Amino acid sequence: MLNIVESDQPLANDDELREIVNRHLPFVNVMSLGQVLALRKLRKQASELTEEERVGYTYLLLCTVAGVSAGVQNTG
């Protein structure tokens, strides 16, 4: 994608948006990591989980998706 816009970094021409994204990146990364770990657990070890654990991991996924969605809605 950077080749298309002929840039060496994302958002090189938009200082304001780059600052907003960089400020929120640590929070989004944590939620993304939570999603990955929960999905991995549900996919690879679903048969070993109790019903309560499956519900918990599913709830974690829904919360992180909602969190990312709210962040995007509020910041663009």
PDB file of N, CA and C in Angstrom:
ATOM      1  N   MET A   1       0.817  -1.183   0.000  1.00  0.00           N
ATOM      2  CA  MET A   1       0.000   0.000   0.000  1.00  0.00           C
ATOM      3  C   MET A   1       0.871   1.261   0.000  1.00  0.00           C
ATOM      4  N   LEU A   2       1.973   1.233   0.701  1.00  0.00           N
ATOM      5  CA  LEU A   2       2.849   2.404   0.730  1.00  0.00           C
ATOM      6  C   LEU A   2       3.422   2.689  -0.651  1.00  0.00           C
ATOM      7  N   ASN A   3       3.612   1.645  -1.468  1.00  0.00           N
ATOM      8  CA  ASN A   3       4.087   1.853  -2.834  1.00  0.00           C
ATOM      9  C   ASN A   3       3.076   2.636  -3.656  1.00  0.00           C
ATOM     10  N   ILE A   4       1.806   2.380  -3.404  1.00  0.00           N
ATOM     11  CA  ILE A   4       0.749   3.055  -4.162  1.00  0.00           C
ATOM     12  C   ILE A   4       0.769   4.557  -3.891  1.00  0.00           C
ATOM     13  N   VAL A   5       0.925   4.935  -2.623  1.00  0.00           N
ATOM     14  CA  VAL A   5       0.937   6.355  -2.259  1.00  0.00           C
ATOM     15  C   VAL A   5       2.338   6.942  -2.311  1.00  0.00           C
ATOM     16  N   GLU A   6       3.298   6.138  -2.730  1.00  0.00           N
ATOM     17  CA  GLU A   6       4.689   6.554  -2.867  1.00  0.00           C
ATOM     18  C   GLU A   6       5.206   7.219  -1.588  1.00  0.00           C
ATOM     19  N   SER A   7       5.143   6.455  -0.510  1.00  0.00           N
ATOM     20  CA  SER A   7       5.575   6.956   0.789  1.00  0.00           C
ATOM     21  C   SER A   7       6.374   5.875   1.502  1.00  0.00           C
ATOM     22  N   ASP A   8       7.185   6.298   2.451  1.00  0.00           N
ATOM     23  CA  ASP A   8       7.957   5.324   3.218  1.00  0.00           C
ATOM     24  C   ASP A   8       7.354   5.054   4.587  1.00  0.00           C
ATOM     25  N   GLN A   9       6.294   5.774   4.942  1.00  0.00           N
ATOM     26  CA  GLN A   9       5.609   5.536   6.214  1.00  0.00           C
ATOM     27  C   GLN A   9       4.120   5.806   6.075  1.00  0.00           C
ATOM     28  N   PRO A  10       3.300   5.091   6.853  1.00  0.00           N
ATOM     29  CA  PRO A  10       1.860   5.326   6.799  1.00  0.00           C
ATOM     30  C   PRO A  10       1.514   6.749   7.230  1.00  0.00           C
ATOM     31  N   LEU A  11       0.566   7.341   6.567  1.00  0.00           N
ATOM     32  CA  LEU A  11       0.044   8.671   6.893  1.00  0.00           C
ATOM     33  C   LEU A  11       1.117   9.759   6.875  1.00  0.00           C
ATOM     34  N   ALA A  12       2.078   9.622   5.998  1.00  0.00           N
ATOM     35  CA  ALA A  12       3.184  10.588   5.924  1.00  0.00           C
ATOM     36  C   ALA A  12       2.695  11.994   5.612  1.00  0.00           C
ATOM     37  N   ASN A  13       1.589  12.116   4.902  1.00  0.00           N
ATOM     38  CA  ASN A  13       1.093  13.427   4.501  1.00  0.00           C
ATOM     39  C   ASN A  13      -0.017  13.964   5.394  1.00  0.00           C
ATOM     40  N   ASP A  14      -0.319  13.271   6.479  1.00  0.00           N
ATOM     41  CA  ASP A  14      -1.394  13.718   7.368  1.00  0.00           C
ATOM     42  C   ASP A  14      -0.906  13.648   8.814  1.00  0.00           C
ATOM     43  N   ASP A  15      -0.256  14.708   9.235  1.00  0.00           N
ATOM     44  CA  ASP A  15       0.342  14.742  10.578  1.00  0.00           C
ATOM     45  C   ASP A  15      -0.687  14.547  11.685  1.00  0.00           C
ATOM     46  N   GLU A  16      -1.837  15.190  11.530  1.00  0.00           N
ATOM     47  CA  GLU A  16      -2.865  15.121  12.582  1.00  0.00           C
ATOM     48  C   GLU A  16      -3.400  13.695  12.744  1.00  0.00           C
ATOM     49  N   LEU A  17      -3.757  13.060  11.638  1.00  0.00           N
ATOM     50  CA  LEU A  17      -4.277  11.693  11.703  1.00  0.00           C
ATOM     51  C   LEU A  17      -3.206  10.721  12.177  1.00  0.00           C
ATOM     52  N   ARG A  18      -1.951  10.907  11.724  1.00  0.00           N
ATOM     53  CA  ARG A  18      -0.870  10.040  12.166  1.00  0.00           C
ATOM     54  C   ARG A  18      -0.683  10.127  13.679  1.00  0.00           C
ATOM     55  N   GLU A  19      -0.795  11.324  14.242  1.00  0.00           N
ATOM     56  CA  GLU A  19      -0.667  11.495  15.685  1.00  0.00           C
ATOM     57  C   GLU A  19      -1.805  10.782  16.431  1.00  0.00           C
ATOM     58  N   ILE A  20      -3.022  10.905  15.911  1.00  0.00           N
ATOM     59  CA  ILE A  20      -4.175  10.248  16.539  1.00  0.00           C
ATOM     60  C   ILE A  20      -3.994   8.734  16.508  1.00  0.00           C
ATOM     61  N   VAL A  21      -3.619   8.196  15.361  1.00  0.00           N
ATOM     62  CA  VAL A  21      -3.438   6.745  15.221  1.00  0.00           C
ATOM     63  C   VAL A  21      -2.334   6.261  16.153  1.00  0.00           C
ATOM     64  N   ASN A  22      -1.218   6.955  16.166  1.00  0.00           N
ATOM     65  CA  ASN A  22      -0.104   6.541  17.023  1.00  0.00           C
ATOM     66  C   ASN A  22      -0.446   6.609  18.499  1.00  0.00           C
ATOM     67  N   ARG A  23      -1.266   7.572  18.875  1.00  0.00           N
ATOM     68  CA  ARG A  23      -1.663   7.704  20.274  1.00  0.00           C
ATOM     69  C   ARG A  23      -2.575   6.546  20.699  1.00  0.00           C
ATOM     70  N   HIS A  24      -3.417   6.076  19.775  1.00  0.00           N
ATOM     71  CA  HIS A  24      -4.363   5.010  20.107  1.00  0.00           C
ATOM     72  C   HIS A  24      -3.838   3.614  19.825  1.00  0.00           C
ATOM     73  N   LEU A  25      -2.738   3.512  19.106  1.00  0.00           N
ATOM     74  CA  LEU A  25      -2.194   2.219  18.712  1.00  0.00           C
ATOM     75  C   LEU A  25      -1.940   1.264  19.876  1.00  0.00           C
ATOM     76  N   PRO A  26      -1.351   1.708  20.986  1.00  0.00           N
ATOM     77  CA  PRO A  26      -1.118   0.761  22.091  1.00  0.00           C
ATOM     78  C   PRO A  26      -2.404   0.125  22.617  1.00  0.00           C
ATOM     79  N   PHE A  27      -3.485   0.874  22.638  1.00  0.00           N
ATOM     80  CA  PHE A  27      -4.752   0.342  23.144  1.00  0.00           C
ATOM     81  C   PHE A  27      -5.367  -0.636  22.152  1.00  0.00           C
ATOM     82  N   VAL A  28      -5.306  -0.289  20.885  1.00  0.00           N
ATOM     83  CA  VAL A  28      -5.846  -1.172  19.846  1.00  0.00           C
ATOM     84  C   VAL A  28      -5.017  -2.454  19.771  1.00  0.00           C
ATOM     85  N   ASN A  29      -3.707  -2.340  19.905  1.00  0.00           N
ATOM     86  CA  ASN A  29      -2.844  -3.526  19.858  1.00  0.00           C
ATOM     87  C   ASN A  29      -3.181  -4.502  20.975  1.00  0.00           C
ATOM     88  N   VAL A  30      -3.452  -3.993  22.166  1.00  0.00           N
ATOM     89  CA  VAL A  30      -3.809  -4.863  23.289  1.00  0.00           C
ATOM     90  C   VAL A  30      -5.123  -5.583  22.997  1.00  0.00           C
ATOM     91  N   MET A  31      -6.103  -4.860  22.465  1.00  0.00           N
ATOM     92  CA  MET A  31      -7.381  -5.498  22.144  1.00  0.00           C
ATOM     93  C   MET A  31      -7.218  -6.520  21.025  1.00  0.00           C
ATOM     94  N   SER A  32      -6.388  -6.200  20.035  1.00  0.00           N
ATOM     95  CA  SER A  32      -6.148  -7.140  18.942  1.00  0.00           C
ATOM     96  C   SER A  32      -5.463  -8.406  19.460  1.00  0.00           C
ATOM     97  N   LEU A  33      -4.510  -8.238  20.341  1.00  0.00           N
ATOM     98  CA  LEU A  33      -3.837  -9.398  20.927  1.00  0.00           C
ATOM     99  C   LEU A  33      -4.829 -10.245  21.724  1.00  0.00           C
ATOM    100  N   GLY A  34      -5.702  -9.599  22.467  1.00  0.00           N
ATOM    101  CA  GLY A  34      -6.738 -10.339  23.204  1.00  0.00           C
ATOM    102  C   GLY A  34      -7.623 -11.144  22.271  1.00  0.00           C
ATOM    103  N   GLN A  35      -7.964 -10.558  21.141  1.00  0.00           N
ATOM    104  CA  GLN A  35      -8.779 -11.275  20.155  1.00  0.00           C
ATOM    105  C   GLN A  35      -8.048 -12.498  19.619  1.00  0.00           C
ATOM    106  N   VAL A  36      -6.784 -12.318  19.272  1.00  0.00           N
ATOM    107  CA  VAL A  36      -5.996 -13.419  18.718  1.00  0.00           C
ATOM    108  C   VAL A  36      -5.877 -14.564  19.723  1.00  0.00           C
ATOM    109  N   LEU A  37      -5.564 -14.229  20.963  1.00  0.00           N
ATOM    110  CA  LEU A  37      -5.405 -15.268  21.991  1.00  0.00           C
ATOM    111  C   LEU A  37      -6.720 -15.993  22.260  1.00  0.00           C
ATOM    112  N   ALA A  38      -7.813 -15.249  22.328  1.00  0.00           N
ATOM    113  CA  ALA A  38      -9.115 -15.873  22.579  1.00  0.00           C
ATOM    114  C   ALA A  38      -9.518 -16.764  21.410  1.00  0.00           C
ATOM    115  N   LEU A  39      -9.335 -16.289  20.193  1.00  0.00           N
ATOM    116  CA  LEU A  39      -9.667 -17.107  19.023  1.00  0.00           C
ATOM    117  C   LEU A  39      -8.825 -18.369  18.961  1.00  0.00           C
ATOM    118  N   ARG A  40      -7.533 -18.227  19.248  1.00  0.00           N
ATOM    119  CA  ARG A  40      -6.646 -19.393  19.253  1.00  0.00           C
ATOM    120  C   ARG A  40      -7.130 -20.431  20.258  1.00  0.00           C
ATOM    121  N   LYS A  41      -7.466 -19.961  21.437  1.00  0.00           N
ATOM    122  CA  LYS A  41      -7.935 -20.864  22.490  1.00  0.00           C
ATOM    123  C   LYS A  41      -9.224 -21.554  22.064  1.00  0.00           C
ATOM    124  N   LEU A  42     -10.159 -20.782  21.519  1.00  0.00           N
ATOM    125  CA  LEU A  42     -11.445 -21.357  21.102  1.00  0.00           C
ATOM    126  C   LEU A  42     -11.290 -22.338  19.946  1.00  0.00           C
ATOM    127  N   ARG A  43     -10.406 -22.050  19.016  1.00  0.00           N
ATOM    128  CA  ARG A  43     -10.253 -22.906  17.840  1.00  0.00           C
ATOM    129  C   ARG A  43      -9.457 -24.171  18.117  1.00  0.00           C
ATOM    130  N   LYS A  44      -8.370 -24.047  18.847  1.00  0.00           N
ATOM    131  CA  LYS A  44      -7.481 -25.186  19.030  1.00  0.00           C
ATOM    132  C   LYS A  44      -7.827 -26.038  20.243  1.00  0.00           C
ATOM    133  N   GLN A  45      -8.447 -25.440  21.239  1.00  0.00           N
ATOM    134  CA  GLN A  45      -8.692 -26.172  22.476  1.00  0.00           C
ATOM    135  C   GLN A  45     -10.162 -26.173  22.871  1.00  0.00           C
ATOM    136  N   ALA A  46     -11.050 -25.972  21.910  1.00  0.00           N
ATOM    137  CA  ALA A  46     -12.473 -25.872  22.215  1.00  0.00           C
ATOM    138  C   ALA A  46     -12.997 -27.116  22.916  1.00  0.00           C
ATOM    139  N   SER A  47     -12.523 -28.268  22.512  1.00  0.00           N
ATOM    140  CA  SER A  47     -13.028 -29.507  23.112  1.00  0.00           C
ATOM    141  C   SER A  47     -12.552 -29.683  24.554  1.00  0.00           C
ATOM    142  N   GLU A  48     -11.483 -28.982  24.920  1.00  0.00           N
ATOM    143  CA  GLU A  48     -10.945 -29.099  26.279  1.00  0.00           C
ATOM    144  C   GLU A  48     -11.515 -28.054  27.232  1.00  0.00           C
ATOM    145  N   LEU A  49     -12.238 -27.081  26.696  1.00  0.00           N
ATOM    146  CA  LEU A  49     -12.773 -26.002  27.523  1.00  0.00           C
ATOM    147  C   LEU A  49     -14.120 -26.379  28.110  1.00  0.00           C
ATOM    148  N   THR A  50     -14.381 -25.886  29.295  1.00  0.00           N
ATOM    149  CA  THR A  50     -15.717 -26.055  29.869  1.00  0.00           C
ATOM    150  C   THR A  50     -16.647 -25.054  29.184  1.00  0.00           C
ATOM    151  N   GLU A  51     -17.927 -25.254  29.352  1.00  0.00           N
ATOM    152  CA  GLU A  51     -18.919 -24.333  28.785  1.00  0.00           C
ATOM    153  C   GLU A  51     -18.700 -22.917  29.324  1.00  0.00           C
ATOM    154  N   GLU A  52     -18.384 -22.806  30.586  1.00  0.00           N
ATOM    155  CA  GLU A  52     -18.146 -21.504  31.203  1.00  0.00           C
ATOM    156  C   GLU A  52     -16.926 -20.810  30.577  1.00  0.00           C
ATOM    157  N   GLU A  53     -15.878 -21.581  30.311  1.00  0.00           N
ATOM    158  CA  GLU A  53     -14.682 -21.015  29.675  1.00  0.00           C
ATOM    159  C   GLU A  53     -14.978 -20.569  28.239  1.00  0.00           C
ATOM    160  N   ARG A  54     -15.743 -21.387  27.497  1.00  0.00           N
ATOM    161  CA  ARG A  54     -16.114 -21.008  26.129  1.00  0.00           C
ATOM    162  C   ARG A  54     -16.921 -19.718  26.124  1.00  0.00           C
ATOM    163  N   VAL A  55     -17.848 -19.593  27.051  1.00  0.00           N
ATOM    164  CA  VAL A  55     -18.641 -18.367  27.162  1.00  0.00           C
ATOM    165  C   VAL A  55     -17.737 -17.183  27.502  1.00  0.00           C
ATOM    166  N   GLY A  56     -16.794 -17.389  28.386  1.00  0.00           N
ATOM    167  CA  GLY A  56     -15.871 -16.323  28.769  1.00  0.00           C
ATOM    168  C   GLY A  56     -15.016 -15.847  27.615  1.00  0.00           C
ATOM    169  N   TYR A  57     -14.458 -16.771  26.839  1.00  0.00           N
ATOM    170  CA  TYR A  57     -13.640 -16.392  25.689  1.00  0.00           C
ATOM    171  C   TYR A  57     -14.490 -15.723  24.604  1.00  0.00           C
ATOM    172  N   THR A  58     -15.693 -16.195  24.419  1.00  0.00           N
ATOM    173  CA  THR A  58     -16.593 -15.564  23.455  1.00  0.00           C
ATOM    174  C   THR A  58     -16.935 -14.149  23.895  1.00  0.00           C
ATOM    175  N   TYR A  59     -17.177 -13.969  25.168  1.00  0.00           N
ATOM    176  CA  TYR A  59     -17.466 -12.638  25.708  1.00  0.00           C
ATOM    177  C   TYR A  59     -16.259 -11.712  25.523  1.00  0.00           C
ATOM    178  N   LEU A  60     -15.067 -12.230  25.746  1.00  0.00           N
ATOM    179  CA  LEU A  60     -13.845 -11.452  25.529  1.00  0.00           C
ATOM    180  C   LEU A  60     -13.760 -10.989  24.082  1.00  0.00           C
ATOM    181  N   LEU A  61     -14.044 -11.886  23.148  1.00  0.00           N
ATOM    182  CA  LEU A  61     -14.024 -11.507  21.734  1.00  0.00           C
ATOM    183  C   LEU A  61     -15.021 -10.398  21.439  1.00  0.00           C
ATOM    184  N   LEU A  62     -16.228 -10.548  21.936  1.00  0.00           N
ATOM    185  CA  LEU A  62     -17.256  -9.534  21.693  1.00  0.00           C
ATOM    186  C   LEU A  62     -16.875  -8.187  22.294  1.00  0.00           C
ATOM    187  N   CYS A  63     -16.298  -8.199  23.471  1.00  0.00           N
ATOM    188  CA  CYS A  63     -15.875  -6.945  24.115  1.00  0.00           C
ATOM    189  C   CYS A  63     -14.759  -6.259  23.343  1.00  0.00           C
ATOM    190  N   THR A  64     -13.795  -7.038  22.855  1.00  0.00           N
ATOM    191  CA  THR A  64     -12.694  -6.421  22.121  1.00  0.00           C
ATOM    192  C   THR A  64     -13.158  -5.892  20.768  1.00  0.00           C
ATOM    193  N   VAL A  65     -14.055  -6.609  20.117  1.00  0.00           N
ATOM    194  CA  VAL A  65     -14.604  -6.109  18.850  1.00  0.00           C
ATOM    195  C   VAL A  65     -15.373  -4.812  19.082  1.00  0.00           C
ATOM    196  N   ALA A  66     -16.162  -4.778  20.134  1.00  0.00           N
ATOM    197  CA  ALA A  66     -16.913  -3.567  20.475  1.00  0.00           C
ATOM    198  C   ALA A  66     -15.966  -2.423  20.835  1.00  0.00           C
ATOM    199  N   GLY A  67     -14.883  -2.730  21.519  1.00  0.00           N
ATOM    200  CA  GLY A  67     -13.911  -1.709  21.891  1.00  0.00           C
ATOM    201  C   GLY A  67     -13.220  -1.101  20.690  1.00  0.00           C
ATOM    202  N   VAL A  68     -12.785  -1.941  19.761  1.00  0.00           N
ATOM    203  CA  VAL A  68     -12.158  -1.443  18.541  1.00  0.00           C
ATOM    204  C   VAL A  68     -13.164  -0.627  17.738  1.00  0.00           C
ATOM    205  N   SER A  69     -14.380  -1.130  17.643  1.00  0.00           N
ATOM    206  CA  SER A  69     -15.428  -0.423  16.903  1.00  0.00           C
ATOM    207  C   SER A  69     -15.702   0.958  17.510  1.00  0.00           C
ATOM    208  N   ALA A  70     -15.791   1.024  18.819  1.00  0.00           N
ATOM    209  CA  ALA A  70     -16.038   2.311  19.477  1.00  0.00           C
ATOM    210  C   ALA A  70     -14.867   3.257  19.251  1.00  0.00           C
ATOM    211  N   GLY A  71     -13.659   2.745  19.293  1.00  0.00           N
ATOM    212  CA  GLY A  71     -12.488   3.580  19.066  1.00  0.00           C
ATOM    213  C   GLY A  71     -12.464   4.146  17.653  1.00  0.00           C
ATOM    214  N   VAL A  72     -12.797   3.322  16.683  1.00  0.00           N
ATOM    215  CA  VAL A  72     -12.821   3.781  15.303  1.00  0.00           C
ATOM    216  C   VAL A  72     -13.945   4.803  15.110  1.00  0.00           C
ATOM    217  N   GLN A  73     -15.064   4.546  15.738  1.00  0.00           N
ATOM    218  CA  GLN A  73     -16.214   5.460  15.611  1.00  0.00           C
ATOM    219  C   GLN A  73     -15.883   6.837  16.208  1.00  0.00           C
ATOM    220  N   ASN A  74     -15.141   6.850  17.291  1.00  0.00           N
ATOM    221  CA  ASN A  74     -14.833   8.102  17.967  1.00  0.00           C
ATOM    222  C   ASN A  74     -13.662   8.858  17.354  1.00  0.00           C
ATOM    223  N   THR A  75     -12.742   8.143  16.717  1.00  0.00           N
ATOM    224  CA  THR A  75     -11.547   8.808  16.193  1.00  0.00           C
ATOM    225  C   THR A  75     -11.471   8.806  14.672  1.00  0.00           C
ATOM    226  N   GLY A  76     -12.313   8.000  14.048  1.00  0.00           N
ATOM    227  CA  GLY A  76     -12.268   7.936  12.576  1.00  0.00           C
ATOM    228  C   GLY A  76     -11.358   6.865  12.180  1.00  0.00           C
TER     229      GLY A  76
END
